[in-house]
Amino acid sequence: LAQHDAELHQRLSAWRQAQTDDVLDNPDPRGAA
């Protein structure tokens, strides 16, 4: 998707890392509902 656009690749990587961190911080979403 972003092989030709280094900036987009950086933004996508940062977004994916943020999503991963969010999931790791909240391993069981049922408890927060």
Protein backbone atom coordinates (compact mmCIF):
# COMPACT_ATOMS: atom_id res chain seq x y z
CA LEU A 1 0.00 0.00 0.00
CA ALA A 2 2.58 2.55 1.11
CA GLN A 3 5.76 1.12 -0.41
CA HIS A 4 6.22 4.22 -2.59
CA ASP A 5 5.46 6.81 0.08
CA ALA A 6 7.86 6.88 3.03
CA GLU A 7 5.83 9.48 4.95
CA LEU A 8 2.61 7.49 4.62
CA HIS A 9 4.48 4.36 5.62
CA GLN A 10 5.73 6.07 8.78
CA ARG A 11 2.24 7.30 9.66
CA LEU A 12 0.75 3.85 9.02
CA SER A 13 3.41 2.17 11.14
CA ALA A 14 2.82 4.62 13.98
CA TRP A 15 -0.95 4.06 13.76
CA ARG A 16 -0.53 0.28 13.82
CA GLN A 17 1.78 0.55 16.84
CA ALA A 18 -0.76 2.74 18.61
CA GLN A 19 -3.51 0.20 17.91
CA THR A 20 -1.30 -2.60 19.24
CA ASP A 21 -0.45 -0.63 22.38
CA ASP A 22 -4.13 0.14 22.95
CA VAL A 23 -5.06 -3.54 22.73
CA LEU A 24 -2.22 -4.55 25.04
CA ASP A 25 -3.31 -1.91 27.54
CA ASN A 26 -6.88 -3.28 27.45
CA PRO A 27 -6.64 -7.06 27.00
CA ASP A 28 -10.31 -7.68 27.90
CA PRO A 29 -12.70 -5.06 26.48
CA ARG A 30 -15.67 -6.76 28.17
CA GLY A 31 -14.50 -5.40 31.52
CA ALA A 32 -14.72 -1.79 30.30
CA ALA A 33 -18.15 -2.06 28.67
